[in-house]
Amino acid sequence: MSASVLVTTRRLTAAAAVAAAAVGAVALPAAAADHSPRGSADRVVISRVQYDSAGRDRSNRSLNREWVEISNNSRYGVDLTGWTLSDEAGRTYTFRGFRLNGQATVRVHTGFGRDTQSDLYQGRRYEVWDDDTDTATLRNDRGRFISSAAWGDHRRHIVDHRRYDDDRRDHRRFEDRRFEDRRIDDRRHEGGRG
């Protein structure tokens, strides 16, 4: 009898393990989707940019009228620690110890101020965002492209809020187009000389 009890116990244990694995396989993807880096990238976007601050002075008040809003459109918070916000010239702000709650927006100001849940300050003494043409780019803590907002002449080359799997590949395509445009202009210029 003890042999049959052992076999039955083993079968029940195996059945329980299979059932637990099946439940885990169903529950794990749903949980992982809410906390994965790709999931956070799809729901965090640059929602608005105020690049032309009122006034011509470089006062802190004027600088803080220049800002970028970043919104989290999901119901889950996202840790932005290590994420960066930069302009075309390479001026970069790095988020430090900041968590953006679900369905929330934070405004990143250029000047000095006291950081809160809704307002962060870069602590700069000069304007960051070019009034004529520029691009605000948001990247995660691994340097992956998350979102961008562009204004000015080059807007046609950049799609706002589009997430690329390999931003470097897309950047190379953008640079190749710019290089090709320059080559065409050079050929036209050379043809005009002769």
C-alpha atoms as a PDB file:
ATOM      1  CA  MET A   1       0.000   0.000   0.000  1.00  0.00           C
ATOM      2  CA  SER A   2       2.767   2.455   0.741  1.00  0.00           C
ATOM      3  CA  ALA A   3       3.993   2.173  -2.854  1.00  0.00           C
ATOM      4  CA  SER A   4       0.586   3.171  -4.239  1.00  0.00           C
ATOM      5  CA  VAL A   5       0.345   6.070  -1.777  1.00  0.00           C
ATOM      6  CA  LEU A   6       3.756   7.331  -2.959  1.00  0.00           C
ATOM      7  CA  VAL A   7       2.712   7.092  -6.618  1.00  0.00           C
ATOM      8  CA  THR A   8      -0.538   8.946  -5.897  1.00  0.00           C
ATOM      9  CA  THR A   9       1.331  11.621  -3.924  1.00  0.00           C
ATOM     10  CA  ARG A  10       3.810  12.072  -6.767  1.00  0.00           C
ATOM     11  CA  ARG A  11       1.003  12.372  -9.296  1.00  0.00           C
ATOM     12  CA  LEU A  12      -0.823  14.961  -7.180  1.00  0.00           C
ATOM     13  CA  THR A  13       2.410  16.924  -6.679  1.00  0.00           C
ATOM     14  CA  ALA A  14       3.128  16.837 -10.413  1.00  0.00           C
ATOM     15  CA  ALA A  15      -0.440  17.933 -11.210  1.00  0.00           C
ATOM     16  CA  ALA A  16      -0.170  20.814  -8.726  1.00  0.00           C
ATOM     17  CA  ALA A  17       3.150  21.895 -10.239  1.00  0.00           C
ATOM     18  CA  VAL A  18       1.683  21.851 -13.758  1.00  0.00           C
ATOM     19  CA  ALA A  19      -1.340  23.857 -12.599  1.00  0.00           C
ATOM     20  CA  ALA A  20       0.882  26.419 -10.851  1.00  0.00           C
ATOM     21  CA  ALA A  21       3.046  26.739 -13.957  1.00  0.00           C
ATOM     22  CA  ALA A  22      -0.032  27.272 -16.138  1.00  0.00           C
ATOM     23  CA  VAL A  23      -1.386  29.973 -13.824  1.00  0.00           C
ATOM     24  CA  GLY A  24       2.053  31.591 -13.664  1.00  0.00           C
ATOM     25  CA  ALA A  25       2.411  31.528 -17.453  1.00  0.00           C
ATOM     26  CA  VAL A  26      -0.892  33.371 -17.823  1.00  0.00           C
ATOM     27  CA  ALA A  27      -0.320  35.884 -15.009  1.00  0.00           C
ATOM     28  CA  LEU A  28       3.358  36.650 -15.675  1.00  0.00           C
ATOM     29  CA  PRO A  29       3.009  38.297 -19.101  1.00  0.00           C
ATOM     30  CA  ALA A  30       0.285  40.600 -17.787  1.00  0.00           C
ATOM     31  CA  ALA A  31       2.392  41.650 -14.817  1.00  0.00           C
ATOM     32  CA  ALA A  32       5.550  41.994 -16.883  1.00  0.00           C
ATOM     33  CA  ALA A  33       3.791  44.169 -19.435  1.00  0.00           C
ATOM     34  CA  ASP A  34       2.979  46.753 -16.781  1.00  0.00           C
ATOM     35  CA  HIS A  35       6.551  47.047 -15.512  1.00  0.00           C
ATOM     36  CA  SER A  36       8.763  46.436 -18.520  1.00  0.00           C
ATOM     37  CA  PRO A  37      10.950  49.194 -19.993  1.00  0.00           C
ATOM     38  CA  ARG A  38       9.133  48.855 -23.313  1.00  0.00           C
ATOM     39  CA  GLY A  39       5.781  49.287 -21.549  1.00  0.00           C
ATOM     40  CA  SER A  40       6.902  52.498 -19.857  1.00  0.00           C
ATOM     41  CA  ALA A  41       8.288  53.844 -23.113  1.00  0.00           C
ATOM     42  CA  ASP A  42       4.957  53.430 -24.875  1.00  0.00           C
ATOM     43  CA  ARG A  43       3.043  55.443 -22.325  1.00  0.00           C
ATOM     44  CA  VAL A  44       5.449  58.285 -21.437  1.00  0.00           C
ATOM     45  CA  VAL A  45       5.522  61.126 -23.994  1.00  0.00           C
ATOM     46  CA  ILE A  46       6.556  64.725 -24.429  1.00  0.00           C
ATOM     47  CA  SER A  47       3.099  66.274 -24.417  1.00  0.00           C
ATOM     48  CA  ARG A  48       3.791  70.032 -24.743  1.00  0.00           C
ATOM     49  CA  VAL A  49       6.699  72.421 -25.199  1.00  0.00           C
ATOM     50  CA  GLN A  50       6.864  76.134 -24.431  1.00  0.00           C
ATOM     51  CA  TYR A  51      10.100  77.102 -26.176  1.00  0.00           C
ATOM     52  CA  ASP A  52       9.541  80.837 -26.609  1.00  0.00           C
ATOM     53  CA  SER A  53       9.455  82.370 -23.152  1.00  0.00           C
ATOM     54  CA  ALA A  54       7.882  85.780 -22.830  1.00  0.00           C
ATOM     55  CA  GLY A  55      10.438  88.547 -22.462  1.00  0.00           C
ATOM     56  CA  ARG A  56      13.952  89.050 -23.718  1.00  0.00           C
ATOM     57  CA  ASP A  57      15.756  89.068 -20.387  1.00  0.00           C
ATOM     58  CA  ARG A  58      17.581  86.147 -18.846  1.00  0.00           C
ATOM     59  CA  SER A  59      15.874  86.448 -15.495  1.00  0.00           C
ATOM     60  CA  ASN A  60      14.996  83.251 -13.686  1.00  0.00           C
ATOM     61  CA  ARG A  61      11.324  84.128 -14.110  1.00  0.00           C
ATOM     62  CA  SER A  62      11.751  84.353 -17.884  1.00  0.00           C
ATOM     63  CA  LEU A  63      13.795  81.138 -18.004  1.00  0.00           C
ATOM     64  CA  ASN A  64      11.106  79.260 -16.091  1.00  0.00           C
ATOM     65  CA  ARG A  65       8.531  80.279 -18.698  1.00  0.00           C
ATOM     66  CA  GLU A  66      10.468  77.966 -21.023  1.00  0.00           C
ATOM     67  CA  TRP A  67       9.485  74.348 -20.311  1.00  0.00           C
ATOM     68  CA  VAL A  68       8.756  70.855 -21.593  1.00  0.00           C
ATOM     69  CA  GLU A  69       5.849  68.773 -20.295  1.00  0.00           C
ATOM     70  CA  ILE A  70       6.224  65.024 -19.968  1.00  0.00           C
ATOM     71  CA  SER A  71       3.058  62.985 -19.477  1.00  0.00           C
ATOM     72  CA  ASN A  72       2.476  59.452 -18.289  1.00  0.00           C
ATOM     73  CA  ASN A  73      -0.717  58.307 -20.013  1.00  0.00           C
ATOM     74  CA  SER A  74      -0.999  55.008 -18.161  1.00  0.00           C
ATOM     75  CA  ARG A  75      -2.387  54.308 -14.716  1.00  0.00           C
ATOM     76  CA  TYR A  76       0.999  53.003 -13.475  1.00  0.00           C
ATOM     77  CA  GLY A  77       3.854  55.130 -12.165  1.00  0.00           C
ATOM     78  CA  VAL A  78       7.180  55.186 -14.032  1.00  0.00           C
ATOM     79  CA  ASP A  79      10.582  55.765 -12.427  1.00  0.00           C
ATOM     80  CA  LEU A  80      12.314  58.428 -14.554  1.00  0.00           C
ATOM     81  CA  THR A  81      15.583  58.271 -12.623  1.00  0.00           C
ATOM     82  CA  GLY A  82      18.430  58.380 -15.140  1.00  0.00           C
ATOM     83  CA  TRP A  83      16.179  59.401 -18.059  1.00  0.00           C
ATOM     84  CA  THR A  84      17.344  62.392 -20.100  1.00  0.00           C
ATOM     85  CA  LEU A  85      15.729  65.332 -21.851  1.00  0.00           C
ATOM     86  CA  SER A  86      17.940  67.036 -24.438  1.00  0.00           C
ATOM     87  CA  ASP A  87      17.932  69.557 -27.264  1.00  0.00           C
ATOM     88  CA  GLU A  88      19.625  69.353 -30.672  1.00  0.00           C
ATOM     89  CA  ALA A  89      22.744  71.112 -29.354  1.00  0.00           C
ATOM     90  CA  GLY A  90      23.235  68.340 -26.787  1.00  0.00           C
ATOM     91  CA  ARG A  91      22.224  70.279 -23.671  1.00  0.00           C
ATOM     92  CA  THR A  92      20.907  67.509 -21.450  1.00  0.00           C
ATOM     93  CA  TYR A  93      18.877  67.380 -18.268  1.00  0.00           C
ATOM     94  CA  THR A  94      19.055  64.096 -16.313  1.00  0.00           C
ATOM     95  CA  PHE A  95      16.160  63.131 -14.050  1.00  0.00           C
ATOM     96  CA  ARG A  96      17.338  62.315 -10.516  1.00  0.00           C
ATOM     97  CA  GLY A  97      15.197  60.348  -8.087  1.00  0.00           C
ATOM     98  CA  PHE A  98      11.888  61.168  -9.756  1.00  0.00           C
ATOM     99  CA  ARG A  99       8.841  58.953 -10.220  1.00  0.00           C
ATOM    100  CA  LEU A 100       6.084  60.139 -12.558  1.00  0.00           C
ATOM    101  CA  ASN A 101       2.766  58.881 -11.252  1.00  0.00           C
ATOM    102  CA  GLY A 102       0.145  57.359 -13.520  1.00  0.00           C
ATOM    103  CA  GLN A 103      -2.080  59.820 -15.399  1.00  0.00           C
ATOM    104  CA  ALA A 104       0.289  62.621 -14.352  1.00  0.00           C
ATOM    105  CA  THR A 105       2.328  65.319 -16.061  1.00  0.00           C
ATOM    106  CA  VAL A 106       5.534  67.007 -14.971  1.00  0.00           C
ATOM    107  CA  ARG A 107       6.756  70.325 -16.350  1.00  0.00           C
ATOM    108  CA  VAL A 108      10.548  70.610 -16.697  1.00  0.00           C
ATOM    109  CA  HIS A 109      11.534  74.299 -16.462  1.00  0.00           C
ATOM    110  CA  THR A 110      14.849  75.725 -17.700  1.00  0.00           C
ATOM    111  CA  GLY A 111      15.730  77.957 -14.717  1.00  0.00           C
ATOM    112  CA  PHE A 112      16.057  77.460 -10.966  1.00  0.00           C
ATOM    113  CA  GLY A 113      13.297  76.474  -8.545  1.00  0.00           C
ATOM    114  CA  ARG A 114      12.149  73.938  -5.994  1.00  0.00           C
ATOM    115  CA  ASP A 115      11.335  70.530  -7.484  1.00  0.00           C
ATOM    116  CA  THR A 116       7.821  69.209  -6.833  1.00  0.00           C
ATOM    117  CA  GLN A 117       5.729  66.349  -8.236  1.00  0.00           C
ATOM    118  CA  SER A 118       4.439  68.639 -10.992  1.00  0.00           C
ATOM    119  CA  ASP A 119       7.440  70.929 -11.640  1.00  0.00           C
ATOM    120  CA  LEU A 120      11.143  70.158 -12.046  1.00  0.00           C
ATOM    121  CA  TYR A 121      13.926  72.691 -12.637  1.00  0.00           C
ATOM    122  CA  GLN A 122      17.076  72.252 -14.730  1.00  0.00           C
ATOM    123  CA  GLY A 123      18.966  74.984 -12.875  1.00  0.00           C
ATOM    124  CA  ARG A 124      20.285  76.768 -15.976  1.00  0.00           C
ATOM    125  CA  ARG A 125      21.162  80.430 -16.402  1.00  0.00           C
ATOM    126  CA  TYR A 126      20.550  80.512 -20.181  1.00  0.00           C
ATOM    127  CA  GLU A 127      17.746  79.419 -22.500  1.00  0.00           C
ATOM    128  CA  VAL A 128      17.874  75.826 -23.741  1.00  0.00           C
ATOM    129  CA  TRP A 129      15.216  75.613 -26.429  1.00  0.00           C
ATOM    130  CA  ASP A 130      15.829  77.477 -29.685  1.00  0.00           C
ATOM    131  CA  ASP A 131      12.893  79.703 -30.625  1.00  0.00           C
ATOM    132  CA  ASP A 132      13.222  79.093 -34.376  1.00  0.00           C
ATOM    133  CA  THR A 133      13.937  75.366 -34.715  1.00  0.00           C
ATOM    134  CA  ASP A 134      14.822  72.653 -32.239  1.00  0.00           C
ATOM    135  CA  THR A 135      13.880  69.179 -31.025  1.00  0.00           C
ATOM    136  CA  ALA A 136      13.210  68.058 -27.460  1.00  0.00           C
ATOM    137  CA  THR A 137      14.185  64.391 -27.093  1.00  0.00           C
ATOM    138  CA  LEU A 138      13.355  62.100 -24.174  1.00  0.00           C
ATOM    139  CA  ARG A 139      15.441  58.948 -23.602  1.00  0.00           C
ATOM    140  CA  ASN A 140      15.209  56.322 -20.902  1.00  0.00           C
ATOM    141  CA  ASP A 141      17.988  55.358 -18.478  1.00  0.00           C
ATOM    142  CA  ARG A 142      19.456  53.002 -21.103  1.00  0.00           C
ATOM    143  CA  GLY A 143      19.659  55.721 -23.742  1.00  0.00           C
ATOM    144  CA  ARG A 144      16.727  54.408 -25.776  1.00  0.00           C
ATOM    145  CA  PHE A 145      14.543  56.897 -27.625  1.00  0.00           C
ATOM    146  CA  ILE A 146      11.180  57.405 -25.930  1.00  0.00           C
ATOM    147  CA  SER A 147       9.595  60.528 -27.414  1.00  0.00           C
ATOM    148  CA  SER A 148      10.399  63.773 -29.201  1.00  0.00           C
ATOM    149  CA  ALA A 149       8.769  67.040 -30.120  1.00  0.00           C
ATOM    150  CA  ALA A 150      10.140  69.235 -32.899  1.00  0.00           C
ATOM    151  CA  TRP A 151       9.367  72.714 -34.154  1.00  0.00           C
ATOM    152  CA  GLY A 152      10.669  74.894 -36.955  1.00  0.00           C
ATOM    153  CA  ASP A 153      11.856  74.029 -40.470  1.00  0.00           C
ATOM    154  CA  HIS A 154      12.912  70.424 -39.876  1.00  0.00           C
ATOM    155  CA  ARG A 155       9.580  69.213 -38.430  1.00  0.00           C
ATOM    156  CA  ARG A 156       8.859  67.218 -41.591  1.00  0.00           C
ATOM    157  CA  HIS A 157      11.732  64.826 -40.761  1.00  0.00           C
ATOM    158  CA  ILE A 158      10.640  63.932 -37.239  1.00  0.00           C
ATOM    159  CA  VAL A 159       7.449  62.245 -36.096  1.00  0.00           C
ATOM    160  CA  ASP A 160       6.424  63.318 -32.593  1.00  0.00           C
ATOM    161  CA  HIS A 161       5.716  60.651 -29.993  1.00  0.00           C
ATOM    162  CA  ARG A 162       6.844  57.783 -32.218  1.00  0.00           C
ATOM    163  CA  ARG A 163       8.868  55.050 -30.565  1.00  0.00           C
ATOM    164  CA  TYR A 164      11.620  53.409 -32.582  1.00  0.00           C
ATOM    165  CA  ASP A 165      13.060  50.005 -31.725  1.00  0.00           C
ATOM    166  CA  ASP A 166      16.470  51.146 -32.886  1.00  0.00           C
ATOM    167  CA  ASP A 167      16.772  54.923 -32.775  1.00  0.00           C
ATOM    168  CA  ARG A 168      20.348  54.795 -34.062  1.00  0.00           C
ATOM    169  CA  ARG A 169      19.172  53.169 -37.294  1.00  0.00           C
ATOM    170  CA  ASP A 170      16.504  55.830 -37.733  1.00  0.00           C
ATOM    171  CA  HIS A 171      18.994  58.593 -36.890  1.00  0.00           C
ATOM    172  CA  ARG A 172      21.347  57.239 -39.566  1.00  0.00           C
ATOM    173  CA  ARG A 173      18.488  57.378 -42.088  1.00  0.00           C
ATOM    174  CA  PHE A 174      17.798  60.992 -41.088  1.00  0.00           C
ATOM    175  CA  GLU A 175      21.515  61.876 -41.411  1.00  0.00           C
ATOM    176  CA  ASP A 176      21.726  60.057 -44.779  1.00  0.00           C
ATOM    177  CA  ARG A 177      18.794  62.148 -46.052  1.00  0.00           C
ATOM    178  CA  ARG A 178      20.473  65.350 -44.875  1.00  0.00           C
ATOM    179  CA  PHE A 179      23.755  64.270 -46.496  1.00  0.00           C
ATOM    180  CA  GLU A 180      21.958  63.403 -49.752  1.00  0.00           C
ATOM    181  CA  ASP A 181      20.219  66.814 -49.704  1.00  0.00           C
ATOM    182  CA  ARG A 182      23.643  68.477 -49.314  1.00  0.00           C
ATOM    183  CA  ARG A 183      25.078  66.412 -52.204  1.00  0.00           C
ATOM    184  CA  ILE A 184      22.194  67.447 -54.466  1.00  0.00           C
ATOM    185  CA  ASP A 185      22.697  71.105 -53.491  1.00  0.00           C
ATOM    186  CA  ASP A 186      26.456  70.788 -54.169  1.00  0.00           C
ATOM    187  CA  ARG A 187      25.784  69.302 -57.621  1.00  0.00           C
ATOM    188  CA  ARG A 188      23.385  72.140 -58.429  1.00  0.00           C
ATOM    189  CA  HIS A 189      25.923  74.687 -57.232  1.00  0.00           C
ATOM    190  CA  GLU A 190      28.727  73.097 -59.264  1.00  0.00           C
ATOM    191  CA  GLY A 191      26.499  72.946 -62.331  1.00  0.00           C
ATOM    192  CA  GLY A 192      25.764  76.651 -61.956  1.00  0.00           C
ATOM    193  CA  ARG A 193      29.475  77.522 -62.047  1.00  0.00           C
ATOM    194  CA  GLY A 194      30.257  75.802 -65.336  1.00  0.00           C
END
